[in-house]
Amino acid sequence: MTFTQLKFSSLSTVLVVLALLGVSQTARADTDGSTLCNKGTTPLYFATVGEHDGIFQSGAMIQGLVEVRPGGCANLVPDGMNKVILTFFQKDSRGILTNTHIVPKNATRVNSEIRHVCVNMRQPYRLFGSRTAIFSKYVNAPCPDGFSQASPAWIHQPGRRTEYQIAVDADVAAVPWKDKSGQQYSRAAVLSISPYENAGPLIEANQSSIRDRQAALALIKAAKEFKERADREAQERQARIWAEQQRRRARYEAAVDKAEESLSKPSADECAQYADKSRYKTGNEIALSGVALGMDLGRAHEALVCHDFTIRPELLARAGGVEKFWANAREKTFQKTLADGTVVFTDVETRPPRGAPPGADFVVMSVRIRYRHAERLDNSDWQRVRSDFKKKFQSGKRRAENDVAIHKQYKYDGGVLFLQLNAQDYRDGGVSQYSVSIL
């Protein structure tokens, strides 16, 4: 796996964690997704005593009053809870709030052990605590100041998603509900505060929700910073790659320009030293395309250019320049095209001189000229090529001769030089290609 793939894999993991956290937060906000919908003609209010009834206890809470207007719906389950005791209030025909006992057909269960719960009609409230602390003060207990007893309707427990449809109408005059001081209410304080904020003495933020939210925000921030850093590093890396590519391109183009300069033909005076002789009488004199055995590489390159041979400058540039191109053991091939369409190739092989110590400079060790004719030579043309070869290379000992080849041996710097004429594709006394080599 590459570094970029690893980073993107890490980012994917973070996003998955965020997604799971988001699902978790949603589940905490409304564990079983139950809602209460008012299908009646007058507002419905309810208060709740909630607890988390599961393996991991997370305390309890009371809250109220929540308003459900005609045609509207509200969540039954407060933040962080999954079991609630519901107490309802509605307005009668006089606009007075009454504590009404509503039990829908699909209600989970009614708990007869809960005689009353404590509610506050004067201001919104939401209080958190342990189950013992909440139930000891607000369920079946003497109500604290500001709270009065009210009769609960039913207990909603965890289960499948449920929607309770309740129709409440203000067509009757019900028995007014009074608090313990005897006060009647026609306007209730409706709870609208965010579960993550504290807005007064009777509104407490759910610390568990706040911690979860803060953790989620910190994780989101970390993921955002991670992504921004990854994007920035990727852009910087791409910029470095692009700059390096530009530098390499510039170096390559400069090398191509330098190679093209090396292929420019020198003056006639400079090229005169590489002119072909009409006859060679000793092995030390022999040269093909101006290139002789033992010649240093710079002069060999210049000799080929003086004889109008060329090579693609891109090959020289990719090798690292003219000097590096020549300073290896590979065979170098230059070519030119004659007026009659004949293509002439000169192959030059370079190696250190025989017997030279390691690291010695390369010199020319063999040269071959190859002729590829546009039209096939007939027998008379081929015989003329053979005759010209014998006239030009007059000295030396003839080793072998037949219809397709002439091989000679010469003395060369105390050693032996081999000179060869070889025909290719020899048929009916004619050829299409032939070569002359010294090695």
Protein backbone atom coordinates (compact mmCIF):
# COMPACT_ATOMS: atom_id res chain seq x y z
CA MET A 1 0.00 0.00 0.00
CA THR A 2 1.37 3.42 -0.91
CA PHE A 3 1.65 6.37 1.44
CA THR A 4 -1.27 8.16 -0.36
CA GLN A 5 -3.45 5.02 -0.15
CA LEU A 6 -2.58 4.66 3.56
CA LYS A 7 -3.63 8.24 4.27
CA PHE A 8 -6.89 7.90 2.42
CA SER A 9 -7.52 4.61 4.23
CA SER A 10 -6.98 6.37 7.59
CA LEU A 11 -9.33 9.19 6.57
CA SER A 12 -11.99 6.64 5.59
CA THR A 13 -11.68 5.05 9.05
CA VAL A 14 -12.21 8.44 10.70
CA LEU A 15 -15.28 9.13 8.57
CA VAL A 16 -16.73 5.72 9.46
CA VAL A 17 -16.21 6.49 13.15
CA LEU A 18 -17.96 9.83 12.65
CA ALA A 19 -20.85 8.13 10.90
CA LEU A 20 -21.19 5.61 13.73
CA LEU A 21 -20.99 8.38 16.28
CA GLY A 22 -23.69 10.29 14.41
CA VAL A 23 -25.92 7.22 14.50
CA SER A 24 -25.15 6.79 18.17
CA GLN A 25 -26.06 10.41 18.90
CA THR A 26 -29.32 10.05 16.99
CA ALA A 27 -30.14 6.92 18.91
CA ARG A 28 -29.43 8.67 22.21
CA ALA A 29 -31.65 11.58 21.27
CA ASP A 30 -34.65 9.33 20.66
CA THR A 31 -33.88 5.71 21.43
CA ASP A 32 -36.89 4.03 19.86
CA GLY A 33 -38.13 6.88 17.66
CA SER A 34 -41.56 7.10 19.27
CA THR A 35 -43.68 10.17 18.65
CA LEU A 36 -46.94 11.63 19.92
CA CYS A 37 -49.24 13.29 17.36
CA ASN A 38 -52.16 15.56 18.30
CA LYS A 39 -55.14 14.89 16.04
CA GLY A 40 -57.48 17.04 18.12
CA THR A 41 -58.49 20.69 18.14
CA THR A 42 -56.74 21.99 21.25
CA PRO A 43 -53.09 21.99 22.33
CA LEU A 44 -51.86 19.01 24.31
CA TYR A 45 -49.11 19.30 26.92
CA PHE A 46 -47.12 16.57 28.60
CA ALA A 47 -44.44 16.18 31.24
CA THR A 48 -42.06 13.26 31.48
CA VAL A 49 -40.08 11.36 34.04
CA GLY A 50 -37.43 9.48 32.10
CA GLU A 51 -34.85 6.86 32.91
CA HIS A 52 -32.37 4.76 30.97
CA ASP A 53 -33.53 1.19 31.44
CA GLY A 54 -30.69 -0.96 30.13
CA ILE A 55 -27.41 -2.70 30.86
CA PHE A 56 -25.55 0.59 31.25
CA GLN A 57 -27.50 2.93 33.52
CA SER A 58 -27.26 6.62 32.62
CA GLY A 59 -29.47 8.12 35.29
CA ALA A 60 -32.89 9.72 35.13
CA MET A 61 -34.55 13.07 34.50
CA ILE A 62 -37.79 15.03 34.61
CA GLN A 63 -38.87 17.64 32.09
CA GLY A 64 -41.93 19.70 31.16
CA LEU A 65 -44.03 21.02 29.77
CA VAL A 66 -43.81 19.98 26.11
CA GLU A 67 -46.51 21.39 23.83
CA VAL A 68 -48.06 19.41 20.96
CA ARG A 69 -50.25 21.70 18.89
CA PRO A 70 -53.20 20.42 16.83
CA GLY A 71 -51.85 18.61 13.77
CA GLY A 72 -48.33 18.50 15.20
CA CYS A 73 -46.11 15.74 16.61
CA ALA A 74 -43.38 15.59 19.25
CA ASN A 75 -40.83 13.02 20.42
CA LEU A 76 -41.81 11.16 23.54
CA VAL A 77 -38.36 10.06 24.65
CA PRO A 78 -36.06 12.76 26.08
CA ASP A 79 -32.39 12.94 25.30
CA GLY A 80 -30.46 10.00 26.75
CA MET A 81 -33.56 8.16 28.03
CA ASN A 82 -35.41 5.09 26.72
CA LYS A 83 -38.24 4.73 29.23
CA VAL A 84 -40.63 7.53 30.28
CA ILE A 85 -43.61 8.15 32.57
CA LEU A 86 -46.04 10.45 30.72
CA THR A 87 -48.34 12.98 32.36
CA PHE A 88 -50.82 14.94 30.15
CA PHE A 89 -52.54 18.32 30.32
CA GLN A 90 -55.06 19.87 27.96
CA LYS A 91 -57.25 22.96 27.80
CA ASP A 92 -60.95 22.61 28.24
CA SER A 93 -63.70 24.77 26.70
CA ARG A 94 -62.88 27.55 29.15
CA GLY A 95 -59.16 27.58 28.23
CA ILE A 96 -58.20 26.14 31.59
CA LEU A 97 -55.48 23.50 31.81
CA THR A 98 -56.66 20.18 33.17
CA ASN A 99 -54.65 17.10 34.15
CA THR A 100 -56.17 14.54 31.79
CA HIS A 101 -55.74 10.79 31.91
CA ILE A 102 -54.97 9.65 28.36
CA VAL A 103 -54.16 6.02 27.59
CA PRO A 104 -54.05 5.13 23.87
CA LYS A 105 -54.89 1.60 22.79
CA ASN A 106 -51.29 0.88 21.81
CA ALA A 107 -49.81 2.26 25.03
CA THR A 108 -47.07 0.01 26.42
CA ARG A 109 -48.42 -0.36 29.96
CA VAL A 110 -49.96 1.53 32.87
CA ASN A 111 -48.15 1.29 36.18
CA SER A 112 -50.65 1.41 39.06
CA GLU A 113 -47.81 1.70 41.57
CA ILE A 114 -47.10 5.26 40.44
CA ARG A 115 -49.74 7.36 42.16
CA HIS A 116 -48.45 10.79 41.15
CA VAL A 117 -45.51 12.68 39.71
CA CYS A 118 -44.40 16.21 40.47
CA VAL A 119 -44.75 18.88 37.80
CA ASN A 120 -44.08 22.60 37.61
CA MET A 121 -46.57 24.73 35.65
CA ARG A 122 -44.83 28.05 36.19
CA GLN A 123 -41.71 27.63 34.07
CA PRO A 124 -40.03 25.05 31.80
CA TYR A 125 -37.81 22.57 33.58
CA ARG A 126 -35.38 19.78 32.90
CA LEU A 127 -33.45 18.23 35.76
CA PHE A 128 -30.99 15.30 35.64
CA GLY A 129 -29.75 12.97 38.32
CA SER A 130 -29.50 9.38 39.43
CA ARG A 131 -32.66 7.27 39.31
CA THR A 132 -32.80 7.23 43.10
CA ALA A 133 -32.43 11.01 43.37
CA ILE A 134 -35.06 11.80 40.71
CA PHE A 135 -37.65 9.24 41.81
CA SER A 136 -37.26 10.03 45.54
CA LYS A 137 -38.10 13.71 44.91
CA TYR A 138 -40.56 13.66 42.01
CA VAL A 139 -42.36 10.26 41.95
CA ASN A 140 -44.75 9.24 44.76
CA ALA A 141 -43.04 11.76 47.01
CA PRO A 142 -43.87 15.11 48.62
CA CYS A 143 -43.22 17.60 45.83
CA PRO A 144 -40.57 20.29 46.31
CA ASP A 145 -41.40 24.01 46.15
CA GLY A 146 -42.85 25.05 42.80
CA PHE A 147 -43.94 21.49 41.93
CA SER A 148 -47.38 19.98 42.41
CA GLN A 149 -48.80 16.48 42.14
CA ALA A 150 -50.34 15.28 38.88
CA SER A 151 -51.70 11.92 37.80
CA PRO A 152 -49.58 10.13 35.14
CA ALA A 153 -51.16 8.42 32.12
CA TRP A 154 -48.91 5.56 31.06
CA ILE A 155 -45.34 4.37 30.93
CA HIS A 156 -43.69 4.15 27.54
CA GLN A 157 -41.00 1.44 27.43
CA PRO A 158 -38.38 0.53 24.81
CA GLY A 159 -39.74 -1.25 21.78
CA ARG A 160 -40.31 -0.89 18.11
CA ARG A 161 -40.89 2.52 16.59
CA THR A 162 -44.33 3.75 17.71
CA GLU A 163 -46.51 6.68 16.79
CA TYR A 164 -49.30 7.50 19.18
CA GLN A 165 -52.33 9.22 17.60
CA ILE A 166 -54.25 11.23 20.22
CA ALA A 167 -57.30 13.40 19.60
CA VAL A 168 -58.04 16.00 22.28
CA ASP A 169 -60.95 18.44 21.98
CA ALA A 170 -61.95 21.51 23.97
CA ASP A 171 -65.71 20.89 23.84
CA VAL A 172 -66.27 20.23 27.53
CA ALA A 173 -65.68 21.99 30.81
CA ALA A 174 -63.45 19.63 32.75
CA VAL A 175 -62.53 19.77 36.40
CA PRO A 176 -59.77 22.34 36.63
CA TRP A 177 -56.37 21.07 37.70
CA LYS A 178 -54.91 23.01 40.58
CA ASP A 179 -51.45 22.96 42.03
CA LYS A 180 -50.90 22.36 45.72
CA SER A 181 -51.33 26.07 46.42
CA GLY A 182 -54.75 25.99 44.73
CA GLN A 183 -53.74 27.99 41.67
CA GLN A 184 -55.45 27.25 38.34
CA TYR A 185 -53.56 27.66 35.04
CA SER A 186 -54.70 28.62 31.56
CA ARG A 187 -51.21 29.27 30.13
CA ALA A 188 -48.39 26.80 30.59
CA ALA A 189 -44.68 27.44 30.44
CA VAL A 190 -43.63 25.43 27.38
CA LEU A 191 -40.22 23.73 27.22
CA SER A 192 -38.22 24.80 24.16
CA ILE A 193 -34.66 24.91 25.46
CA SER A 194 -31.90 22.93 23.73
CA PRO A 195 -30.83 19.78 25.64
CA TYR A 196 -27.22 20.97 25.34
CA GLU A 197 -27.67 24.35 27.04
CA ASN A 198 -28.40 25.65 30.53
CA ALA A 199 -30.93 28.48 30.72
CA GLY A 200 -31.92 28.92 34.32
CA PRO A 201 -32.28 27.30 37.75
CA LEU A 202 -34.75 24.64 36.55
CA ILE A 203 -32.99 23.84 33.29
CA GLU A 204 -29.95 21.60 33.58
CA ALA A 205 -27.91 20.52 30.62
CA ASN A 206 -27.49 16.78 30.15
CA GLN A 207 -23.80 16.40 30.90
CA SER A 208 -23.63 13.02 29.19
CA SER A 209 -25.05 14.54 26.01
CA ILE A 210 -22.69 17.48 26.30
CA ARG A 211 -19.69 15.18 26.66
CA ASP A 212 -20.81 13.10 23.69
CA ARG A 213 -21.41 16.23 21.64
CA GLN A 214 -18.05 17.70 22.61
CA ALA A 215 -16.34 14.40 21.74
CA ALA A 216 -18.14 14.36 18.40
CA LEU A 217 -17.15 17.97 17.69
CA ALA A 218 -13.53 17.22 18.67
CA LEU A 219 -13.51 14.17 16.41
CA ILE A 220 -15.05 16.13 13.56
CA LYS A 221 -12.48 18.89 14.06
CA ALA A 222 -9.65 16.33 14.14
CA ALA A 223 -10.99 14.64 11.00
CA LYS A 224 -11.31 18.02 9.27
CA GLU A 225 -7.77 18.99 10.27
CA PHE A 226 -6.52 15.56 9.17
CA LYS A 227 -8.21 15.92 5.78
CA GLU A 228 -6.96 19.49 5.35
CA ARG A 229 -3.43 18.41 6.28
CA ALA A 230 -3.64 15.39 3.95
CA ASP A 231 -4.93 17.59 1.11
CA ARG A 232 -2.25 20.18 1.78
CA GLU A 233 0.50 17.56 1.88
CA ALA A 234 -0.85 15.97 -1.29
CA GLN A 235 -0.84 19.36 -3.03
CA GLU A 236 2.68 20.10 -1.78
CA ARG A 237 3.85 16.66 -2.87
CA GLN A 238 2.26 17.14 -6.29
CA ALA A 239 3.88 20.58 -6.55
CA ARG A 240 7.28 19.05 -5.74
CA ILE A 241 6.73 16.30 -8.29
CA TRP A 242 5.69 18.84 -10.90
CA ALA A 243 8.69 21.07 -10.13
CA GLU A 244 11.05 18.08 -10.35
CA GLN A 245 9.44 17.04 -13.64
CA GLN A 246 9.95 20.56 -14.94
CA ARG A 247 13.60 20.52 -13.85
CA ARG A 248 14.14 17.13 -15.47
CA ARG A 249 12.42 18.29 -18.63
CA ALA A 250 14.60 21.40 -18.74
CA ARG A 251 17.75 19.30 -18.21
CA TYR A 252 16.62 16.86 -20.91
CA GLU A 253 15.86 19.63 -23.41
CA ALA A 254 19.25 21.22 -22.66
CA ALA A 255 20.90 17.81 -23.24
CA VAL A 256 19.02 17.44 -26.56
CA ASP A 257 20.19 20.92 -27.63
CA LYS A 258 23.78 20.01 -26.70
CA ALA A 259 23.48 16.72 -28.61
CA GLU A 260 22.19 18.55 -31.69
CA GLU A 261 25.18 20.89 -31.49
CA SER A 262 27.53 17.87 -31.41
CA LEU A 263 25.92 16.61 -34.66
CA SER A 264 26.68 19.84 -36.52
CA LYS A 265 29.33 19.22 -39.18
CA PRO A 266 32.70 20.91 -38.47
CA SER A 267 34.60 22.95 -41.04
CA ALA A 268 36.21 21.31 -44.08
CA ASP A 269 39.68 21.84 -42.59
CA GLU A 270 38.72 19.99 -39.41
CA CYS A 271 37.09 17.18 -41.36
CA ALA A 272 40.10 16.76 -43.69
CA GLN A 273 41.89 14.59 -41.10
CA TYR A 274 39.09 12.02 -41.34
CA ALA A 275 38.88 11.82 -45.16
CA ASP A 276 38.78 8.28 -46.55
CA LYS A 277 41.85 7.11 -48.46
CA SER A 278 41.44 5.51 -51.84
CA ARG A 279 43.89 2.77 -50.84
CA TYR A 280 45.22 1.32 -47.58
CA LYS A 281 48.56 -0.44 -47.59
CA THR A 282 49.03 -1.12 -43.85
CA GLY A 283 46.67 -2.21 -41.12
CA ASN A 284 47.40 0.87 -39.00
CA GLU A 285 45.99 3.13 -41.71
CA ILE A 286 42.63 1.44 -42.20
CA ALA A 287 39.53 3.47 -41.27
CA LEU A 288 35.83 3.04 -42.09
CA SER A 289 33.73 6.22 -42.27
CA GLY A 290 36.83 7.95 -40.90
CA VAL A 291 36.81 5.79 -37.76
CA ALA A 292 39.92 3.71 -37.03
CA LEU A 293 40.59 1.10 -34.36
CA GLY A 294 42.01 2.51 -31.13
CA MET A 295 40.63 5.98 -31.89
CA ASP A 296 39.44 8.00 -28.88
CA LEU A 297 35.70 8.46 -28.67
CA GLY A 298 35.51 12.21 -29.22
CA ARG A 299 37.39 11.94 -32.49
CA ALA A 300 35.30 8.93 -33.55
CA HIS A 301 32.12 10.98 -33.04
CA GLU A 302 33.56 13.89 -35.01
CA ALA A 303 34.72 11.56 -37.83
CA LEU A 304 31.20 10.16 -38.28
CA VAL A 305 29.67 13.65 -38.33
CA CYS A 306 32.26 14.76 -40.91
CA HIS A 307 31.11 11.84 -43.12
CA ASP A 308 27.50 13.10 -42.84
CA PHE A 309 26.40 10.35 -40.44
CA THR A 310 23.90 11.24 -37.77
CA ILE A 311 21.91 9.77 -34.89
CA ARG A 312 18.78 10.91 -33.07
CA PRO A 313 19.84 13.57 -30.54
CA GLU A 314 17.23 12.21 -28.11
CA LEU A 315 19.27 8.98 -27.82
CA LEU A 316 22.35 10.97 -26.89
CA ALA A 317 20.35 13.04 -24.37
CA ARG A 318 18.74 9.98 -22.70
CA ALA A 319 22.19 8.42 -22.32
CA GLY A 320 23.28 11.50 -20.35
CA GLY A 321 25.09 13.33 -23.14
CA VAL A 322 27.57 12.54 -25.92
CA GLU A 323 30.41 11.49 -23.62
CA LYS A 324 28.30 9.08 -21.57
CA PHE A 325 26.71 7.72 -24.73
CA TRP A 326 30.12 6.74 -26.08
CA ALA A 327 31.61 5.61 -22.77
CA ASN A 328 29.89 2.22 -22.62
CA ALA A 329 30.34 -1.17 -24.24
CA ARG A 330 27.22 -1.03 -26.37
CA GLU A 331 27.39 -0.79 -30.12
CA LYS A 332 26.67 2.70 -31.47
CA THR A 333 24.90 3.03 -34.81
CA PHE A 334 24.96 6.17 -36.97
CA GLN A 335 23.36 6.36 -40.40
CA LYS A 336 22.89 8.45 -43.54
CA THR A 337 20.96 8.14 -46.79
CA LEU A 338 22.69 8.52 -50.19
CA ALA A 339 21.21 10.24 -53.22
CA ASP A 340 20.21 6.92 -54.85
CA GLY A 341 18.24 5.89 -51.74
CA THR A 342 20.90 3.62 -50.29
CA VAL A 343 20.93 3.71 -46.49
CA VAL A 344 24.39 3.43 -44.97
CA PHE A 345 24.88 2.42 -41.33
CA THR A 346 28.12 2.65 -39.37
CA ASP A 347 28.30 0.53 -36.23
CA VAL A 348 31.05 1.34 -33.74
CA GLU A 349 31.89 -0.82 -30.71
CA THR A 350 33.91 0.72 -27.88
CA ARG A 351 35.81 -0.96 -25.07
CA PRO A 352 38.93 -0.28 -23.02
CA PRO A 353 42.13 -1.08 -24.93
CA ARG A 354 43.23 -4.69 -24.77
CA GLY A 355 45.35 -5.25 -21.68
CA ALA A 356 44.43 -1.83 -20.18
CA PRO A 357 43.98 -1.61 -16.38
CA PRO A 358 40.47 -1.36 -14.89
CA GLY A 359 38.91 2.07 -15.31
CA ALA A 360 40.80 2.90 -18.50
CA ASP A 361 39.05 5.11 -21.05
CA PHE A 362 37.14 3.38 -23.83
CA VAL A 363 38.46 3.39 -27.41
CA VAL A 364 37.15 2.07 -30.71
CA MET A 365 37.46 -1.74 -30.88
CA SER A 366 35.50 -2.53 -34.07
CA VAL A 367 33.83 -0.70 -36.96
CA ARG A 368 31.30 -1.98 -39.47
CA ILE A 369 29.69 -0.23 -42.47
CA ARG A 370 26.40 -1.72 -43.66
CA TYR A 371 24.86 -0.84 -47.01
CA ARG A 372 21.13 -1.33 -47.59
CA HIS A 373 20.28 -0.58 -51.23
CA ALA A 374 16.97 0.74 -52.40
CA GLU A 375 17.19 -1.62 -55.38
CA ARG A 376 18.80 -5.04 -55.46
CA LEU A 377 22.32 -5.18 -56.94
CA ASP A 378 22.74 -7.59 -59.83
CA ASN A 379 25.78 -9.83 -60.24
CA SER A 380 27.84 -7.26 -62.19
CA ASP A 381 27.23 -4.61 -59.51
CA TRP A 382 28.20 -7.05 -56.79
CA GLN A 383 31.39 -8.01 -58.65
CA ARG A 384 32.27 -4.31 -58.92
CA VAL A 385 31.82 -3.95 -55.13
CA ARG A 386 34.17 -6.93 -54.60
CA SER A 387 36.74 -5.47 -57.00
CA ASP A 388 36.64 -2.05 -55.30
CA PHE A 389 37.11 -3.71 -51.91
CA LYS A 390 40.25 -5.54 -53.08
CA LYS A 391 41.70 -2.40 -54.67
CA LYS A 392 41.10 -0.23 -51.62
CA PHE A 393 42.52 -2.71 -49.10
CA GLN A 394 45.63 -3.91 -50.98
CA SER A 395 47.96 -5.12 -48.28
CA GLY A 396 47.48 -7.98 -45.93
CA LYS A 397 47.07 -11.68 -46.20
CA ARG A 398 43.98 -13.06 -47.86
CA ARG A 399 42.45 -15.72 -45.67
CA ALA A 400 39.24 -16.66 -47.49
CA GLU A 401 37.22 -15.65 -50.52
CA ASN A 402 34.07 -16.92 -52.18
CA ASP A 403 30.99 -15.54 -53.94
CA VAL A 404 29.53 -13.97 -50.80
CA ALA A 405 32.56 -12.90 -48.72
CA ILE A 406 36.19 -11.79 -48.69
CA HIS A 407 38.08 -12.04 -45.40
CA LYS A 408 41.61 -10.60 -44.93
CA GLN A 409 44.12 -10.49 -42.10
CA TYR A 410 46.48 -7.56 -41.32
CA LYS A 411 49.17 -6.71 -38.86
CA TYR A 412 47.95 -4.00 -36.51
CA ASP A 413 50.07 -2.50 -33.69
CA GLY A 414 51.80 -5.79 -33.23
CA GLY A 415 48.51 -7.65 -33.26
CA VAL A 416 46.16 -9.03 -35.84
CA LEU A 417 43.45 -7.09 -37.67
CA PHE A 418 40.58 -8.76 -39.50
CA LEU A 419 38.92 -7.07 -42.46
CA GLN A 420 35.75 -8.57 -43.94
CA LEU A 421 33.36 -8.03 -46.83
CA ASN A 422 30.12 -9.95 -46.32
CA ALA A 423 27.03 -10.12 -48.51
CA GLN A 424 23.51 -10.54 -47.14
CA ASP A 425 20.57 -11.99 -49.01
CA TYR A 426 22.78 -13.33 -51.79
CA ARG A 427 20.70 -14.74 -54.66
CA ASP A 428 21.52 -15.31 -58.34
CA GLY A 429 24.84 -13.48 -57.89
CA GLY A 430 23.12 -10.29 -56.62
CA VAL A 431 22.65 -8.81 -53.15
CA SER A 432 20.43 -6.29 -51.44
CA GLN A 433 22.72 -5.63 -48.48
CA TYR A 434 26.39 -6.04 -47.63
CA SER A 435 28.84 -4.93 -44.98
CA VAL A 436 32.52 -4.05 -44.49
CA SER A 437 34.02 -4.63 -41.05
CA ILE A 438 37.31 -4.19 -39.20
CA LEU A 439 37.78 -5.90 -35.88
